[in-house]
Amino acid sequence: MAFEAYAPSDNLRSLSLQYYHLDAISAGFTLPHLEALSINEVFASTETFRDILRLRSTPHFRKLSLIDNVCGLATYCPASYSFQRHS
């Protein structure tokens, strides 16, 4: 699935993906108001995830939830968690 399918939703603030295979993201792709992203067993390249989390792609991003049901792992990244974002 192309992540760009969500691009027309300029007001999209929260997105939950489960059992998806994401394609590479095109240059200039943005979700300008996305604040929260939940990922549950999603296959994508490291570059695709990196591009989604770049500051210029998701400038208002604050919360990330990663879930792996196979391993019973859940990782939650609240806004107070410090992580490096690159533009």
PDB file of N, CA and C in Angstrom:
ATOM      1  N   MET A   1       0.836  -1.171   0.000  1.00  0.00           N
ATOM      2  CA  MET A   1       0.000   0.000   0.000  1.00  0.00           C
ATOM      3  C   MET A   1       0.885   1.239   0.000  1.00  0.00           C
ATOM      4  N   ALA A   2       0.491   2.206  -0.744  1.00  0.00           N
ATOM      5  CA  ALA A   2       1.225   3.466  -0.754  1.00  0.00           C
ATOM      6  C   ALA A   2       0.737   4.336   0.396  1.00  0.00           C
ATOM      7  N   PHE A   3       1.661   4.804   1.201  1.00  0.00           N
ATOM      8  CA  PHE A   3       1.309   5.647   2.342  1.00  0.00           C
ATOM      9  C   PHE A   3       0.683   6.949   1.873  1.00  0.00           C
ATOM     10  N   GLU A   4       0.946   7.324   0.641  1.00  0.00           N
ATOM     11  CA  GLU A   4       0.398   8.548   0.077  1.00  0.00           C
ATOM     12  C   GLU A   4      -1.125   8.537   0.012  1.00  0.00           C
ATOM     13  N   ALA A   5      -1.736   7.366   0.159  1.00  0.00           N
ATOM     14  CA  ALA A   5      -3.200   7.278   0.148  1.00  0.00           C
ATOM     15  C   ALA A   5      -3.807   8.140   1.254  1.00  0.00           C
ATOM     16  N   TYR A   6      -3.027   8.416   2.299  1.00  0.00           N
ATOM     17  CA  TYR A   6      -3.516   9.230   3.412  1.00  0.00           C
ATOM     18  C   TYR A   6      -3.218  10.713   3.230  1.00  0.00           C
ATOM     19  N   ALA A   7      -2.435  11.063   2.229  1.00  0.00           N
ATOM     20  CA  ALA A   7      -2.012  12.452   2.023  1.00  0.00           C
ATOM     21  C   ALA A   7      -3.164  13.431   1.807  1.00  0.00           C
ATOM     22  N   PRO A   8      -4.235  13.070   1.086  1.00  0.00           N
ATOM     23  CA  PRO A   8      -5.322  14.040   0.899  1.00  0.00           C
ATOM     24  C   PRO A   8      -6.020  14.440   2.200  1.00  0.00           C
ATOM     25  N   SER A   9      -5.808  13.677   3.249  1.00  0.00           N
ATOM     26  CA  SER A   9      -6.463  13.964   4.526  1.00  0.00           C
ATOM     27  C   SER A   9      -5.639  14.966   5.321  1.00  0.00           C
ATOM     28  N   ASP A  10      -5.716  16.229   4.942  1.00  0.00           N
ATOM     29  CA  ASP A  10      -4.921  17.260   5.606  1.00  0.00           C
ATOM     30  C   ASP A  10      -5.250  17.397   7.082  1.00  0.00           C
ATOM     31  N   ASN A  11      -6.450  17.019   7.487  1.00  0.00           N
ATOM     32  CA  ASN A  11      -6.848  17.148   8.888  1.00  0.00           C
ATOM     33  C   ASN A  11      -6.605  15.881   9.700  1.00  0.00           C
ATOM     34  N   LEU A  12      -5.989  14.876   9.093  1.00  0.00           N
ATOM     35  CA  LEU A  12      -5.723  13.613   9.776  1.00  0.00           C
ATOM     36  C   LEU A  12      -4.778  13.839  10.954  1.00  0.00           C
ATOM     37  N   ARG A  13      -5.237  13.518  12.162  1.00  0.00           N
ATOM     38  CA  ARG A  13      -4.429  13.726  13.365  1.00  0.00           C
ATOM     39  C   ARG A  13      -3.945  12.417  13.982  1.00  0.00           C
ATOM     40  N   SER A  14      -4.665  11.329  13.735  1.00  0.00           N
ATOM     41  CA  SER A  14      -4.313  10.042  14.308  1.00  0.00           C
ATOM     42  C   SER A  14      -4.484   8.967  13.242  1.00  0.00           C
ATOM     43  N   LEU A  15      -3.541   8.024  13.192  1.00  0.00           N
ATOM     44  CA  LEU A  15      -3.588   6.969  12.183  1.00  0.00           C
ATOM     45  C   LEU A  15      -3.151   5.663  12.813  1.00  0.00           C
ATOM     46  N   SER A  16      -3.930   4.608  12.579  1.00  0.00           N
ATOM     47  CA  SER A  16      -3.606   3.283  13.076  1.00  0.00           C
ATOM     48  C   SER A  16      -3.508   2.331  11.890  1.00  0.00           C
ATOM     49  N   LEU A  17      -2.373   1.656  11.770  1.00  0.00           N
ATOM     50  CA  LEU A  17      -2.157   0.714  10.677  1.00  0.00           C
ATOM     51  C   LEU A  17      -1.925  -0.673  11.259  1.00  0.00           C
ATOM     52  N   GLN A  18      -2.619  -1.676  10.699  1.00  0.00           N
ATOM     53  CA  GLN A  18      -2.466  -3.043  11.162  1.00  0.00           C
ATOM     54  C   GLN A  18      -2.403  -3.966   9.958  1.00  0.00           C
ATOM     55  N   TYR A  19      -1.376  -4.807   9.920  1.00  0.00           N
ATOM     56  CA  TYR A  19      -1.183  -5.797   8.861  1.00  0.00           C
ATOM     57  C   TYR A  19      -1.068  -5.165   7.475  1.00  0.00           C
ATOM     58  N   TYR A  20      -0.257  -4.139   7.350  1.00  0.00           N
ATOM     59  CA  TYR A  20      -0.016  -3.492   6.065  1.00  0.00           C
ATOM     60  C   TYR A  20       1.403  -3.757   5.603  1.00  0.00           C
ATOM     61  N   HIS A  21       1.593  -3.665   4.308  1.00  0.00           N
ATOM     62  CA  HIS A  21       2.919  -3.642   3.696  1.00  0.00           C
ATOM     63  C   HIS A  21       3.010  -2.283   3.017  1.00  0.00           C
ATOM     64  N   LEU A  22       3.867  -1.414   3.545  1.00  0.00           N
ATOM     65  CA  LEU A  22       3.964  -0.053   3.027  1.00  0.00           C
ATOM     66  C   LEU A  22       5.064   0.063   1.985  1.00  0.00           C
ATOM     67  N   ASP A  23       4.747   0.747   0.907  1.00  0.00           N
ATOM     68  CA  ASP A  23       5.729   1.035  -0.133  1.00  0.00           C
ATOM     69  C   ASP A  23       6.575   2.227   0.287  1.00  0.00           C
ATOM     70  N   ALA A  24       7.605   2.492  -0.497  1.00  0.00           N
ATOM     71  CA  ALA A  24       8.456   3.659  -0.246  1.00  0.00           C
ATOM     72  C   ALA A  24       7.632   4.939  -0.380  1.00  0.00           C
ATOM     73  N   ILE A  25       8.034   5.959   0.335  1.00  0.00           N
ATOM     74  CA  ILE A  25       7.335   7.243   0.322  1.00  0.00           C
ATOM     75  C   ILE A  25       8.014   8.177  -0.666  1.00  0.00           C
ATOM     76  N   SER A  26       7.213   8.856  -1.451  1.00  0.00           N
ATOM     77  CA  SER A  26       7.773   9.768  -2.448  1.00  0.00           C
ATOM     78  C   SER A  26       8.308  11.038  -1.791  1.00  0.00           C
ATOM     79  N   ALA A  27       9.247  11.667  -2.458  1.00  0.00           N
ATOM     80  CA  ALA A  27       9.829  12.920  -1.960  1.00  0.00           C
ATOM     81  C   ALA A  27       8.736  13.977  -1.854  1.00  0.00           C
ATOM     82  N   GLY A  28       8.769  14.740  -0.801  1.00  0.00           N
ATOM     83  CA  GLY A  28       7.789  15.804  -0.615  1.00  0.00           C
ATOM     84  C   GLY A  28       6.503  15.373   0.055  1.00  0.00           C
ATOM     85  N   PHE A  29       6.381  14.093   0.402  1.00  0.00           N
ATOM     86  CA  PHE A  29       5.173  13.589   1.063  1.00  0.00           C
ATOM     87  C   PHE A  29       5.044  14.203   2.457  1.00  0.00           C
ATOM     88  N   THR A  30       3.835  14.659   2.822  1.00  0.00           N
ATOM     89  CA  THR A  30       3.603  15.187   4.170  1.00  0.00           C
ATOM     90  C   THR A  30       2.219  14.793   4.690  1.00  0.00           C
ATOM     91  N   LEU A  31       2.136  14.636   5.977  1.00  0.00           N
ATOM     92  CA  LEU A  31       0.879  14.549   6.722  1.00  0.00           C
ATOM     93  C   LEU A  31       0.997  15.669   7.748  1.00  0.00           C
ATOM     94  N   PRO A  32       0.615  16.872   7.371  1.00  0.00           N
ATOM     95  CA  PRO A  32       0.942  18.063   8.152  1.00  0.00           C
ATOM     96  C   PRO A  32       0.376  18.120   9.565  1.00  0.00           C
ATOM     97  N   HIS A  33      -0.714  17.412   9.847  1.00  0.00           N
ATOM     98  CA  HIS A  33      -1.331  17.501  11.174  1.00  0.00           C
ATOM     99  C   HIS A  33      -1.282  16.195  11.953  1.00  0.00           C
ATOM    100  N   LEU A  34      -0.604  15.179  11.422  1.00  0.00           N
ATOM    101  CA  LEU A  34      -0.542  13.890  12.112  1.00  0.00           C
ATOM    102  C   LEU A  34       0.188  14.040  13.445  1.00  0.00           C
ATOM    103  N   GLU A  35      -0.477  13.628  14.523  1.00  0.00           N
ATOM    104  CA  GLU A  35       0.096  13.707  15.867  1.00  0.00           C
ATOM    105  C   GLU A  35       0.392  12.332  16.451  1.00  0.00           C
ATOM    106  N   ALA A  36      -0.409  11.318  16.083  1.00  0.00           N
ATOM    107  CA  ALA A  36      -0.257   9.993  16.680  1.00  0.00           C
ATOM    108  C   ALA A  36      -0.298   8.920  15.601  1.00  0.00           C
ATOM    109  N   LEU A  37       0.592   7.937  15.744  1.00  0.00           N
ATOM    110  CA  LEU A  37       0.669   6.838  14.790  1.00  0.00           C
ATOM    111  C   LEU A  37       0.791   5.532  15.557  1.00  0.00           C
ATOM    112  N   SER A  38      -0.090   4.584  15.245  1.00  0.00           N
ATOM    113  CA  SER A  38      -0.057   3.258  15.840  1.00  0.00           C
ATOM    114  C   SER A  38       0.264   2.262  14.731  1.00  0.00           C
ATOM    115  N   ILE A  39       1.287   1.446  14.960  1.00  0.00           N
ATOM    116  CA  ILE A  39       1.728   0.482  13.954  1.00  0.00           C
ATOM    117  C   ILE A  39       1.666  -0.906  14.571  1.00  0.00           C
ATOM    118  N   ASN A  40       0.868  -1.792  13.970  1.00  0.00           N
ATOM    119  CA  ASN A  40       0.695  -3.152  14.463  1.00  0.00           C
ATOM    120  C   ASN A  40       1.020  -4.120  13.336  1.00  0.00           C
ATOM    121  N   GLU A  41       2.162  -4.788  13.453  1.00  0.00           N
ATOM    122  CA  GLU A  41       2.603  -5.773  12.468  1.00  0.00           C
ATOM    123  C   GLU A  41       2.565  -5.219  11.051  1.00  0.00           C
ATOM    124  N   VAL A  42       3.272  -4.138  10.850  1.00  0.00           N
ATOM    125  CA  VAL A  42       3.373  -3.482   9.548  1.00  0.00           C
ATOM    126  C   VAL A  42       4.756  -3.748   8.984  1.00  0.00           C
ATOM    127  N   PHE A  43       4.810  -4.190   7.729  1.00  0.00           N
ATOM    128  CA  PHE A  43       6.090  -4.411   7.069  1.00  0.00           C
ATOM    129  C   PHE A  43       6.419  -3.207   6.200  1.00  0.00           C
ATOM    130  N   ALA A  44       7.587  -2.658   6.413  1.00  0.00           N
ATOM    131  CA  ALA A  44       8.079  -1.552   5.591  1.00  0.00           C
ATOM    132  C   ALA A  44       9.585  -1.483   5.780  1.00  0.00           C
ATOM    133  N   SER A  45      10.255  -0.900   4.826  1.00  0.00           N
ATOM    134  CA  SER A  45      11.700  -0.757   4.948  1.00  0.00           C
ATOM    135  C   SER A  45      12.036   0.269   6.026  1.00  0.00           C
ATOM    136  N   THR A  46      13.240   0.200   6.521  1.00  0.00           N
ATOM    137  CA  THR A  46      13.707   1.178   7.501  1.00  0.00           C
ATOM    138  C   THR A  46      13.609   2.584   6.940  1.00  0.00           C
ATOM    139  N   GLU A  47      13.918   2.733   5.659  1.00  0.00           N
ATOM    140  CA  GLU A  47      13.858   4.044   5.015  1.00  0.00           C
ATOM    141  C   GLU A  47      12.436   4.602   5.010  1.00  0.00           C
ATOM    142  N   THR A  48      11.449   3.743   4.804  1.00  0.00           N
ATOM    143  CA  THR A  48      10.055   4.190   4.795  1.00  0.00           C
ATOM    144  C   THR A  48       9.654   4.715   6.166  1.00  0.00           C
ATOM    145  N   PHE A  49       9.981   3.962   7.225  1.00  0.00           N
ATOM    146  CA  PHE A  49       9.672   4.435   8.576  1.00  0.00           C
ATOM    147  C   PHE A  49      10.417   5.734   8.881  1.00  0.00           C
ATOM    148  N   ARG A  50      11.672   5.796   8.475  1.00  0.00           N
ATOM    149  CA  ARG A  50      12.456   7.021   8.698  1.00  0.00           C
ATOM    150  C   ARG A  50      11.803   8.210   8.011  1.00  0.00           C
ATOM    151  N   ASP A  51      11.356   8.015   6.780  1.00  0.00           N
ATOM    152  CA  ASP A  51      10.735   9.108   6.027  1.00  0.00           C
ATOM    153  C   ASP A  51       9.414   9.560   6.652  1.00  0.00           C
ATOM    154  N   ILE A  52       8.643   8.623   7.189  1.00  0.00           N
ATOM    155  CA  ILE A  52       7.380   8.977   7.852  1.00  0.00           C
ATOM    156  C   ILE A  52       7.647   9.844   9.079  1.00  0.00           C
ATOM    157  N   LEU A  53       8.704   9.522   9.809  1.00  0.00           N
ATOM    158  CA  LEU A  53       8.985  10.210  11.065  1.00  0.00           C
ATOM    159  C   LEU A  53       9.829  11.475  10.908  1.00  0.00           C
ATOM    160  N   ARG A  54      10.218  11.800   9.710  1.00  0.00           N
ATOM    161  CA  ARG A  54      10.996  13.032   9.506  1.00  0.00           C
ATOM    162  C   ARG A  54      10.154  14.250   9.840  1.00  0.00           C
ATOM    163  N   LEU A  55      10.802  15.241  10.377  1.00  0.00           N
ATOM    164  CA  LEU A  55      10.122  16.465  10.795  1.00  0.00           C
ATOM    165  C   LEU A  55       9.369  17.125   9.650  1.00  0.00           C
ATOM    166  N   ARG A  56       9.936  17.138   8.470  1.00  0.00           N
ATOM    167  CA  ARG A  56       9.258  17.797   7.344  1.00  0.00           C
ATOM    168  C   ARG A  56       8.055  16.995   6.848  1.00  0.00           C
ATOM    169  N   SER A  57       8.023  15.681   7.107  1.00  0.00           N
ATOM    170  CA  SER A  57       6.893  14.846   6.679  1.00  0.00           C
ATOM    171  C   SER A  57       5.730  14.908   7.659  1.00  0.00           C
ATOM    172  N   THR A  58       6.040  14.917   8.937  1.00  0.00           N
ATOM    173  CA  THR A  58       5.012  14.931   9.987  1.00  0.00           C
ATOM    174  C   THR A  58       5.412  15.945  11.061  1.00  0.00           C
ATOM    175  N   PRO A  59       5.270  17.238  10.788  1.00  0.00           N
ATOM    176  CA  PRO A  59       5.774  18.271  11.692  1.00  0.00           C
ATOM    177  C   PRO A  59       5.117  18.326  13.071  1.00  0.00           C
ATOM    178  N   HIS A  60       3.906  17.797  13.230  1.00  0.00           N
ATOM    179  CA  HIS A  60       3.217  17.844  14.528  1.00  0.00           C
ATOM    180  C   HIS A  60       3.202  16.497  15.245  1.00  0.00           C
ATOM    181  N   PHE A  61       3.986  15.551  14.756  1.00  0.00           N
ATOM    182  CA  PHE A  61       4.010  14.203  15.310  1.00  0.00           C
ATOM    183  C   PHE A  61       4.460  14.211  16.773  1.00  0.00           C
ATOM    184  N   ARG A  62       3.697  13.516  17.645  1.00  0.00           N
ATOM    185  CA  ARG A  62       3.989  13.506  19.077  1.00  0.00           C
ATOM    186  C   ARG A  62       3.985  12.112  19.712  1.00  0.00           C
ATOM    187  N   LYS A  63       3.255  11.155  19.131  1.00  0.00           N
ATOM    188  CA  LYS A  63       3.048   9.881  19.817  1.00  0.00           C
ATOM    189  C   LYS A  63       3.174   8.709  18.844  1.00  0.00           C
ATOM    190  N   LEU A  64       3.929   7.680  19.263  1.00  0.00           N
ATOM    191  CA  LEU A  64       4.132   6.494  18.443  1.00  0.00           C
ATOM    192  C   LEU A  64       3.852   5.257  19.276  1.00  0.00           C
ATOM    193  N   SER A  65       3.066   4.344  18.715  1.00  0.00           N
ATOM    194  CA  SER A  65       2.780   3.077  19.367  1.00  0.00           C
ATOM    195  C   SER A  65       3.169   1.963  18.408  1.00  0.00           C
ATOM    196  N   LEU A  66       4.087   1.095  18.848  1.00  0.00           N
ATOM    197  CA  LEU A  66       4.523  -0.046  18.044  1.00  0.00           C
ATOM    198  C   LEU A  66       4.060  -1.317  18.734  1.00  0.00           C
ATOM    199  N   ILE A  67       3.384  -2.184  17.999  1.00  0.00           N
ATOM    200  CA  ILE A  67       2.840  -3.404  18.587  1.00  0.00           C
ATOM    201  C   ILE A  67       3.241  -4.590  17.728  1.00  0.00           C
ATOM    202  N   ASP A  68       3.753  -5.628  18.376  1.00  0.00           N
ATOM    203  CA  ASP A  68       4.104  -6.868  17.693  1.00  0.00           C
ATOM    204  C   ASP A  68       3.383  -7.990  18.428  1.00  0.00           C
ATOM    205  N   ASN A  69       2.249  -8.433  17.896  1.00  0.00           N
ATOM    206  CA  ASN A  69       1.442  -9.458  18.565  1.00  0.00           C
ATOM    207  C   ASN A  69       2.134 -10.807  18.625  1.00  0.00           C
ATOM    208  N   VAL A  70       3.023 -11.079  17.682  1.00  0.00           N
ATOM    209  CA  VAL A  70       3.712 -12.364  17.657  1.00  0.00           C
ATOM    210  C   VAL A  70       4.599 -12.512  18.887  1.00  0.00           C
ATOM    211  N   CYS A  71       5.319 -11.460  19.228  1.00  0.00           N
ATOM    212  CA  CYS A  71       6.230 -11.496  20.377  1.00  0.00           C
ATOM    213  C   CYS A  71       5.591 -10.966  21.646  1.00  0.00           C
ATOM    214  N   GLY A  72       4.368 -10.467  21.548  1.00  0.00           N
ATOM    215  CA  GLY A  72       3.719  -9.894  22.716  1.00  0.00           C
ATOM    216  C   GLY A  72       4.383  -8.601  23.168  1.00  0.00           C
ATOM    217  N   LEU A  73       4.950  -7.883  22.226  1.00  0.00           N
ATOM    218  CA  LEU A  73       5.699  -6.667  22.532  1.00  0.00           C
ATOM    219  C   LEU A  73       4.865  -5.441  22.217  1.00  0.00           C
ATOM    220  N   ALA A  74       4.862  -4.495  23.102  1.00  0.00           N
ATOM    221  CA  ALA A  74       4.211  -3.210  22.841  1.00  0.00           C
ATOM    222  C   ALA A  74       5.159  -2.111  23.298  1.00  0.00           C
ATOM    223  N   THR A  75       5.456  -1.201  22.432  1.00  0.00           N
ATOM    224  CA  THR A  75       6.328  -0.079  22.753  1.00  0.00           C
ATOM    225  C   THR A  75       5.544   1.194  22.534  1.00  0.00           C
ATOM    226  N   TYR A  76       5.585   2.074  23.502  1.00  0.00           N
ATOM    227  CA  TYR A  76       4.816   3.312  23.422  1.00  0.00           C
ATOM    228  C   TYR A  76       5.764   4.482  23.603  1.00  0.00           C
ATOM    229  N   CYS A  77       5.640   5.459  22.753  1.00  0.00           N
ATOM    230  CA  CYS A  77       6.518   6.618  22.807  1.00  0.00           C
ATOM    231  C   CYS A  77       5.677   7.866  23.018  1.00  0.00           C
ATOM    232  N   PRO A  78       5.481   8.299  24.262  1.00  0.00           N
ATOM    233  CA  PRO A  78       4.690   9.506  24.510  1.00  0.00           C
ATOM    234  C   PRO A  78       5.460  10.760  24.124  1.00  0.00           C
ATOM    235  N   ALA A  79       4.782  11.868  24.146  1.00  0.00           N
ATOM    236  CA  ALA A  79       5.394  13.139  23.756  1.00  0.00           C
ATOM    237  C   ALA A  79       6.585  13.490  24.637  1.00  0.00           C
ATOM    238  N   SER A  80       6.599  13.027  25.874  1.00  0.00           N
ATOM    239  CA  SER A  80       7.697  13.364  26.774  1.00  0.00           C
ATOM    240  C   SER A  80       8.968  12.576  26.463  1.00  0.00           C
ATOM    241  N   TYR A  81       8.851  11.531  25.657  1.00  0.00           N
ATOM    242  CA  TYR A  81      10.021  10.741  25.290  1.00  0.00           C
ATOM    243  C   TYR A  81      10.870  11.541  24.315  1.00  0.00           C
ATOM    244  N   SER A  82      12.130  11.581  24.570  1.00  0.00           N
ATOM    245  CA  SER A  82      13.028  12.376  23.730  1.00  0.00           C
ATOM    246  C   SER A  82      13.622  11.501  22.635  1.00  0.00           C
ATOM    247  N   PHE A  83      13.385  11.852  21.400  1.00  0.00           N
ATOM    248  CA  PHE A  83      14.032  11.167  20.296  1.00  0.00           C
ATOM    249  C   PHE A  83      14.413  12.188  19.243  1.00  0.00           C
ATOM    250  N   GLN A  84      15.470  11.878  18.524  1.00  0.00           N
ATOM    251  CA  GLN A  84      16.015  12.801  17.532  1.00  0.00           C
ATOM    252  C   GLN A  84      15.190  12.735  16.253  1.00  0.00           C
ATOM    253  N   ARG A  85      14.701  13.871  15.808  1.00  0.00           N
ATOM    254  CA  ARG A  85      13.981  13.943  14.537  1.00  0.00           C
ATOM    255  C   ARG A  85      14.788  14.802  13.587  1.00  0.00           C
ATOM    256  N   HIS A  86      14.922  14.321  12.367  1.00  0.00           N
ATOM    257  CA  HIS A  86      15.702  15.035  11.359  1.00  0.00           C
ATOM    258  C   HIS A  86      14.783  15.584  10.285  1.00  0.00           C
ATOM    259  N   SER A  87      15.122  16.719   9.770  1.00  0.00           N
ATOM    260  CA  SER A  87      14.296  17.315   8.711  1.00  0.00           C
ATOM    261  C   SER A  87      14.684  16.815   7.343  1.00  0.00           C
TER     262      SER A  87
END
